[in-house]
Amino acid sequence: MLIEAVVVVAAPASDQVAWLDKYDVPPDEIALGFDDAFRLAGRLVDEGQLSREVLPSLQMIDEVFSEMSQVTDVDRWTREAMTTDAGWGRARQLAREVLTAEGGEMTPLPGIRIVR
């Protein structure tokens, strides 16, 4: 689940927007999905399913999204901002570093189930 969330964060903005459109969800769903999965990181390290070396990068992604949430500028959470906002770019870069360190690669974005 964590790697799937990281794959979504790491995807090019155009792929992220297409993914959001496919599931009819807002951009903050990417950050929320990461936040939910990030809570499992320590346990995954303890179980040997995730290397300890990626924890700082995961923490930085979490901090980027937290900082973006603190700002009252809701324009950061638009599809347009995903291509221009520095926070989105930084999160994307860090997520790609995590995937590289874990020996992963960019895979198709995972499906999600929406309960409404």
N, C-alpha and C. Protein backbone atom coordinates (compact mmCIF):
# COMPACT_ATOMS: atom_id res chain seq x y z
N MET A 1 0.82 -1.19 0.00
CA MET A 1 0.00 0.00 0.00
C MET A 1 0.87 1.26 0.00
N LEU A 2 1.96 1.26 0.76
CA LEU A 2 2.84 2.42 0.81
C LEU A 2 3.50 2.65 -0.54
N ILE A 3 4.02 1.60 -1.13
CA ILE A 3 4.69 1.76 -2.44
C ILE A 3 3.68 2.23 -3.48
N GLU A 4 2.46 1.72 -3.44
CA GLU A 4 1.44 2.19 -4.38
C GLU A 4 1.19 3.68 -4.21
N ALA A 5 1.13 4.14 -2.96
CA ALA A 5 0.93 5.56 -2.70
C ALA A 5 2.12 6.37 -3.21
N VAL A 6 3.32 5.84 -3.04
CA VAL A 6 4.52 6.52 -3.51
C VAL A 6 4.53 6.57 -5.05
N VAL A 7 4.07 5.52 -5.68
CA VAL A 7 3.98 5.50 -7.15
C VAL A 7 3.07 6.63 -7.63
N VAL A 8 1.97 6.85 -6.96
CA VAL A 8 1.05 7.92 -7.35
C VAL A 8 1.71 9.28 -7.15
N VAL A 9 2.40 9.47 -6.03
CA VAL A 9 3.08 10.74 -5.77
C VAL A 9 4.19 10.97 -6.80
N ALA A 10 4.89 9.93 -7.20
CA ALA A 10 6.02 10.04 -8.12
C ALA A 10 5.62 10.25 -9.57
N ALA A 11 4.40 9.96 -9.91
CA ALA A 11 3.96 10.02 -11.31
C ALA A 11 4.04 11.43 -11.86
N PRO A 12 4.26 11.55 -13.17
CA PRO A 12 4.23 12.87 -13.79
C PRO A 12 2.87 13.53 -13.54
N ALA A 13 2.86 14.84 -13.47
CA ALA A 13 1.63 15.57 -13.18
C ALA A 13 0.50 15.20 -14.13
N SER A 14 0.81 15.02 -15.40
CA SER A 14 -0.24 14.67 -16.37
C SER A 14 -0.87 13.32 -16.04
N ASP A 15 -0.06 12.36 -15.59
CA ASP A 15 -0.59 11.06 -15.19
C ASP A 15 -1.42 11.17 -13.91
N GLN A 16 -0.96 12.01 -12.99
CA GLN A 16 -1.71 12.22 -11.76
C GLN A 16 -3.09 12.81 -12.07
N VAL A 17 -3.12 13.80 -12.93
CA VAL A 17 -4.39 14.44 -13.28
C VAL A 17 -5.33 13.43 -13.95
N ALA A 18 -4.80 12.63 -14.85
CA ALA A 18 -5.62 11.60 -15.51
C ALA A 18 -6.17 10.61 -14.48
N TRP A 19 -5.34 10.25 -13.50
CA TRP A 19 -5.76 9.33 -12.43
C TRP A 19 -6.87 9.95 -11.60
N LEU A 20 -6.70 11.23 -11.25
CA LEU A 20 -7.74 11.94 -10.49
C LEU A 20 -9.05 11.99 -11.27
N ASP A 21 -8.94 12.28 -12.56
CA ASP A 21 -10.14 12.35 -13.40
C ASP A 21 -10.82 10.99 -13.51
N LYS A 22 -10.03 9.95 -13.65
CA LYS A 22 -10.58 8.60 -13.78
C LYS A 22 -11.44 8.23 -12.57
N TYR A 23 -10.97 8.61 -11.39
CA TYR A 23 -11.69 8.24 -10.16
C TYR A 23 -12.54 9.39 -9.60
N ASP A 24 -12.53 10.51 -10.31
CA ASP A 24 -13.32 11.68 -9.91
C ASP A 24 -13.06 12.06 -8.45
N VAL A 25 -11.77 12.24 -8.15
CA VAL A 25 -11.36 12.65 -6.81
C VAL A 25 -10.50 13.92 -6.92
N PRO A 26 -10.45 14.71 -5.85
CA PRO A 26 -9.64 15.94 -5.87
C PRO A 26 -8.16 15.65 -5.65
N PRO A 27 -7.29 16.61 -5.98
CA PRO A 27 -5.85 16.41 -5.83
C PRO A 27 -5.39 16.04 -4.42
N ASP A 28 -6.10 16.54 -3.41
CA ASP A 28 -5.65 16.21 -2.05
C ASP A 28 -5.77 14.72 -1.74
N GLU A 29 -6.48 13.99 -2.58
CA GLU A 29 -6.59 12.54 -2.39
C GLU A 29 -5.21 11.87 -2.51
N ILE A 30 -4.33 12.44 -3.31
CA ILE A 30 -2.98 11.90 -3.44
C ILE A 30 -2.24 12.04 -2.11
N ALA A 31 -2.33 13.21 -1.50
CA ALA A 31 -1.68 13.44 -0.21
C ALA A 31 -2.32 12.61 0.89
N LEU A 32 -3.64 12.50 0.87
CA LEU A 32 -4.34 11.72 1.90
C LEU A 32 -4.00 10.23 1.78
N GLY A 33 -3.93 9.73 0.56
CA GLY A 33 -3.55 8.34 0.36
C GLY A 33 -2.13 8.07 0.86
N PHE A 34 -1.23 9.02 0.56
CA PHE A 34 0.14 8.87 1.05
C PHE A 34 0.15 8.91 2.57
N ASP A 35 -0.57 9.84 3.17
CA ASP A 35 -0.59 9.97 4.63
C ASP A 35 -1.06 8.68 5.29
N ASP A 36 -2.12 8.10 4.77
CA ASP A 36 -2.63 6.84 5.34
C ASP A 36 -1.57 5.74 5.28
N ALA A 37 -0.92 5.63 4.13
CA ALA A 37 0.07 4.57 3.95
C ALA A 37 1.35 4.85 4.72
N PHE A 38 1.74 6.12 4.81
CA PHE A 38 2.97 6.51 5.50
C PHE A 38 2.96 6.07 6.97
N ARG A 39 1.82 6.02 7.55
CA ARG A 39 1.69 5.60 8.96
C ARG A 39 2.20 4.17 9.18
N LEU A 40 2.29 3.40 8.12
CA LEU A 40 2.75 2.02 8.20
C LEU A 40 4.25 1.87 8.00
N ALA A 41 4.94 2.94 7.67
CA ALA A 41 6.35 2.87 7.29
C ALA A 41 7.23 2.22 8.37
N GLY A 42 7.09 2.63 9.60
CA GLY A 42 7.91 2.06 10.67
C GLY A 42 7.71 0.57 10.81
N ARG A 43 6.49 0.14 10.72
CA ARG A 43 6.20 -1.29 10.83
C ARG A 43 6.78 -2.06 9.65
N LEU A 44 6.70 -1.47 8.45
CA LEU A 44 7.26 -2.12 7.27
C LEU A 44 8.78 -2.26 7.38
N VAL A 45 9.43 -1.27 7.96
CA VAL A 45 10.87 -1.37 8.19
C VAL A 45 11.15 -2.49 9.19
N ASP A 46 10.41 -2.53 10.28
CA ASP A 46 10.60 -3.57 11.30
C ASP A 46 10.41 -4.96 10.73
N GLU A 47 9.50 -5.09 9.78
CA GLU A 47 9.21 -6.39 9.17
C GLU A 47 10.14 -6.70 8.00
N GLY A 48 11.06 -5.80 7.68
CA GLY A 48 12.00 -6.03 6.59
C GLY A 48 11.42 -5.84 5.20
N GLN A 49 10.28 -5.18 5.10
CA GLN A 49 9.65 -4.98 3.80
C GLN A 49 9.99 -3.64 3.18
N LEU A 50 10.68 -2.80 3.96
CA LEU A 50 11.06 -1.47 3.50
C LEU A 50 12.40 -1.14 4.13
N SER A 51 13.29 -0.55 3.35
CA SER A 51 14.60 -0.23 3.90
C SER A 51 14.53 1.03 4.76
N ARG A 52 15.27 1.02 5.83
CA ARG A 52 15.31 2.15 6.76
C ARG A 52 15.82 3.42 6.07
N GLU A 53 16.65 3.24 5.04
CA GLU A 53 17.26 4.38 4.35
C GLU A 53 16.25 5.29 3.67
N VAL A 54 15.06 4.78 3.34
CA VAL A 54 14.08 5.62 2.65
C VAL A 54 13.19 6.40 3.62
N LEU A 55 13.28 6.09 4.90
CA LEU A 55 12.43 6.79 5.87
C LEU A 55 12.59 8.31 5.84
N PRO A 56 13.83 8.84 5.75
CA PRO A 56 13.94 10.32 5.69
C PRO A 56 13.23 10.92 4.48
N SER A 57 13.31 10.27 3.34
CA SER A 57 12.63 10.79 2.14
C SER A 57 11.12 10.71 2.30
N LEU A 58 10.64 9.62 2.88
CA LEU A 58 9.21 9.50 3.13
C LEU A 58 8.74 10.58 4.10
N GLN A 59 9.54 10.82 5.13
CA GLN A 59 9.22 11.86 6.11
C GLN A 59 9.18 13.23 5.43
N MET A 60 10.11 13.47 4.51
CA MET A 60 10.12 14.76 3.81
C MET A 60 8.88 14.93 2.92
N ILE A 61 8.44 13.85 2.28
CA ILE A 61 7.20 13.92 1.49
C ILE A 61 6.05 14.31 2.40
N ASP A 62 5.98 13.67 3.55
CA ASP A 62 4.94 13.97 4.52
C ASP A 62 5.01 15.43 4.95
N GLU A 63 6.21 15.94 5.17
CA GLU A 63 6.39 17.34 5.57
C GLU A 63 5.98 18.30 4.45
N VAL A 64 6.30 17.95 3.21
CA VAL A 64 5.91 18.80 2.08
C VAL A 64 4.39 18.92 2.03
N PHE A 65 3.70 17.78 2.12
CA PHE A 65 2.24 17.82 2.07
C PHE A 65 1.67 18.53 3.30
N SER A 66 2.29 18.36 4.44
CA SER A 66 1.83 19.07 5.65
C SER A 66 1.98 20.58 5.48
N GLU A 67 3.13 21.01 4.96
CA GLU A 67 3.35 22.44 4.72
C GLU A 67 2.33 22.98 3.72
N MET A 68 2.06 22.21 2.68
CA MET A 68 1.09 22.64 1.68
C MET A 68 -0.30 22.79 2.31
N SER A 69 -0.60 21.96 3.28
CA SER A 69 -1.90 22.01 3.94
C SER A 69 -2.01 23.18 4.91
N GLN A 70 -0.88 23.63 5.43
CA GLN A 70 -0.88 24.73 6.39
C GLN A 70 -1.19 26.07 5.74
N VAL A 71 -0.83 26.18 4.49
CA VAL A 71 -1.02 27.44 3.77
C VAL A 71 -2.50 27.58 3.42
N THR A 72 -3.01 28.76 3.57
CA THR A 72 -4.43 28.99 3.29
C THR A 72 -4.73 29.12 1.80
N ASP A 73 -3.70 29.04 0.97
CA ASP A 73 -3.86 29.15 -0.48
C ASP A 73 -4.37 27.82 -1.04
N VAL A 74 -5.67 27.73 -1.24
CA VAL A 74 -6.25 26.48 -1.74
C VAL A 74 -5.87 26.21 -3.19
N ASP A 75 -5.30 27.21 -3.86
CA ASP A 75 -4.88 27.00 -5.25
C ASP A 75 -3.79 25.93 -5.37
N ARG A 76 -3.12 25.62 -4.28
CA ARG A 76 -2.08 24.58 -4.31
C ARG A 76 -2.70 23.19 -4.49
N TRP A 77 -3.99 23.07 -4.23
CA TRP A 77 -4.67 21.78 -4.30
C TRP A 77 -5.58 21.70 -5.52
N THR A 78 -5.11 22.28 -6.62
CA THR A 78 -5.86 22.19 -7.88
C THR A 78 -5.06 21.35 -8.87
N ARG A 79 -5.76 20.88 -9.89
CA ARG A 79 -5.09 20.10 -10.93
C ARG A 79 -4.02 20.96 -11.64
N GLU A 80 -4.32 22.22 -11.81
CA GLU A 80 -3.37 23.13 -12.48
C GLU A 80 -2.08 23.26 -11.66
N ALA A 81 -2.24 23.39 -10.35
CA ALA A 81 -1.07 23.56 -9.48
C ALA A 81 -0.16 22.34 -9.50
N MET A 82 -0.70 21.21 -9.82
CA MET A 82 0.11 19.99 -9.82
C MET A 82 1.26 20.07 -10.82
N THR A 83 1.11 20.90 -11.84
CA THR A 83 2.17 21.04 -12.84
C THR A 83 3.10 22.20 -12.55
N THR A 84 2.67 23.15 -11.69
CA THR A 84 3.46 24.36 -11.48
C THR A 84 3.94 24.58 -10.06
N ASP A 85 3.28 24.01 -9.08
CA ASP A 85 3.60 24.28 -7.67
C ASP A 85 4.88 23.56 -7.26
N ALA A 86 5.75 24.28 -6.57
CA ALA A 86 7.04 23.71 -6.14
C ALA A 86 6.85 22.56 -5.15
N GLY A 87 5.84 22.63 -4.32
CA GLY A 87 5.59 21.55 -3.36
C GLY A 87 5.28 20.24 -4.06
N TRP A 88 4.41 20.31 -5.06
CA TRP A 88 4.11 19.09 -5.83
C TRP A 88 5.37 18.55 -6.50
N GLY A 89 6.17 19.45 -7.06
CA GLY A 89 7.41 19.02 -7.71
C GLY A 89 8.38 18.36 -6.74
N ARG A 90 8.50 18.94 -5.55
CA ARG A 90 9.40 18.38 -4.53
C ARG A 90 8.91 17.01 -4.06
N ALA A 91 7.62 16.88 -3.82
CA ALA A 91 7.07 15.58 -3.40
C ALA A 91 7.31 14.53 -4.48
N ARG A 92 7.11 14.93 -5.72
CA ARG A 92 7.31 14.01 -6.85
C ARG A 92 8.77 13.55 -6.91
N GLN A 93 9.70 14.48 -6.76
CA GLN A 93 11.13 14.16 -6.80
C GLN A 93 11.50 13.19 -5.67
N LEU A 94 11.05 13.47 -4.47
CA LEU A 94 11.35 12.61 -3.32
C LEU A 94 10.76 11.22 -3.51
N ALA A 95 9.55 11.16 -4.02
CA ALA A 95 8.91 9.86 -4.24
C ALA A 95 9.68 9.04 -5.27
N ARG A 96 10.20 9.69 -6.29
CA ARG A 96 11.00 8.97 -7.29
C ARG A 96 12.29 8.44 -6.67
N GLU A 97 12.87 9.22 -5.76
CA GLU A 97 14.07 8.76 -5.05
C GLU A 97 13.77 7.52 -4.21
N VAL A 98 12.62 7.51 -3.56
CA VAL A 98 12.22 6.34 -2.76
C VAL A 98 12.08 5.12 -3.66
N LEU A 99 11.40 5.28 -4.78
CA LEU A 99 11.22 4.14 -5.68
C LEU A 99 12.56 3.62 -6.19
N THR A 100 13.46 4.52 -6.53
CA THR A 100 14.79 4.11 -7.00
C THR A 100 15.53 3.35 -5.90
N ALA A 101 15.50 3.88 -4.69
CA ALA A 101 16.21 3.24 -3.57
C ALA A 101 15.63 1.87 -3.24
N GLU A 102 14.34 1.71 -3.46
CA GLU A 102 13.69 0.43 -3.15
C GLU A 102 13.76 -0.54 -4.34
N GLY A 103 14.42 -0.11 -5.39
CA GLY A 103 14.55 -0.99 -6.56
C GLY A 103 13.26 -1.09 -7.35
N GLY A 104 12.36 -0.18 -7.07
CA GLY A 104 11.08 -0.17 -7.77
C GLY A 104 11.18 0.64 -9.04
N GLU A 105 10.12 0.63 -9.76
CA GLU A 105 10.07 1.41 -10.99
C GLU A 105 8.69 2.02 -11.10
N MET A 106 8.59 2.93 -12.00
CA MET A 106 7.28 3.54 -12.23
C MET A 106 6.40 2.50 -12.89
N THR A 107 5.36 2.16 -12.22
CA THR A 107 4.39 1.20 -12.74
C THR A 107 3.10 1.96 -13.02
N PRO A 108 2.17 1.33 -13.70
CA PRO A 108 0.88 2.01 -13.88
C PRO A 108 0.31 2.41 -12.51
N LEU A 109 -0.37 3.51 -12.49
CA LEU A 109 -0.95 3.96 -11.22
C LEU A 109 -1.98 2.96 -10.75
N PRO A 110 -2.00 2.69 -9.45
CA PRO A 110 -2.90 1.67 -8.93
C PRO A 110 -4.36 2.11 -8.99
N GLY A 111 -5.22 1.13 -9.04
CA GLY A 111 -6.65 1.41 -8.96
C GLY A 111 -7.03 1.69 -7.52
N ILE A 112 -8.11 2.40 -7.35
CA ILE A 112 -8.63 2.65 -6.01
C ILE A 112 -10.13 2.39 -6.01
N ARG A 113 -10.64 2.10 -4.85
CA ARG A 113 -12.07 1.90 -4.69
C ARG A 113 -12.61 3.08 -3.91
N ILE A 114 -13.58 3.74 -4.49
CA ILE A 114 -14.18 4.92 -3.86
C ILE A 114 -15.51 4.51 -3.23
N VAL A 115 -15.66 4.83 -1.96
CA VAL A 115 -16.91 4.58 -1.27
C VAL A 115 -17.59 5.94 -1.08
N ARG A 116 -18.75 6.08 -1.60
CA ARG A 116 -19.46 7.37 -1.49
C ARG A 116 -20.79 7.17 -0.85
